[in-house]
Amino acid sequence: MKSSKIIDQEYKNWLADIKTRVRSSQIKAAVSVNTELLNLYLSIGADISIQQKKSKWGDGLLSRLSKDLMNEFPDMKGFSERNLKYIRQWYAFYGQGAAIGQQVVAQLTRVPWGHNIAIISESKDIDEALF
């Protein structure tokens, strides 16, 4: 018969393993959410760029879009006019998406949005940003 100390230690080891797996899963989920969000931002940035080039809506486009998106998705952050400008700038900075290639886009979407903003704000060009 195993002593209670051995059983207790086995339980502690098992519990530690479960905690590690839970934390790992949480990190993977956060990275996955970030990737999806940044892919969304990339597509919105492309859409904004296209619409601003071809439309006659004028400078009010981002303001109107911001209000409409915040009304439709009140619990979702990221649709302020300022953030929509960052989204457009981020898309434009990296050469209109396709020019930078899928591998680079995949790398960019692993970086949190706030860090992406800091990178494009401080970098002179794409090479410096990617470094």
Foldseek 3Di string as FASTA:
>chain_A
DDDVVVVVVVVVVVVVVVVVVVVVVVVVVVLVVLLVVLVVLLVLLLVVVVCVVPDPPPPCVLVVQLVVVCVVVVPDDQSHSVSNVLSNLLCVQCPNPPVNHDVVSSVVSSDGPVVSSVLSVPDPHDVSSSD
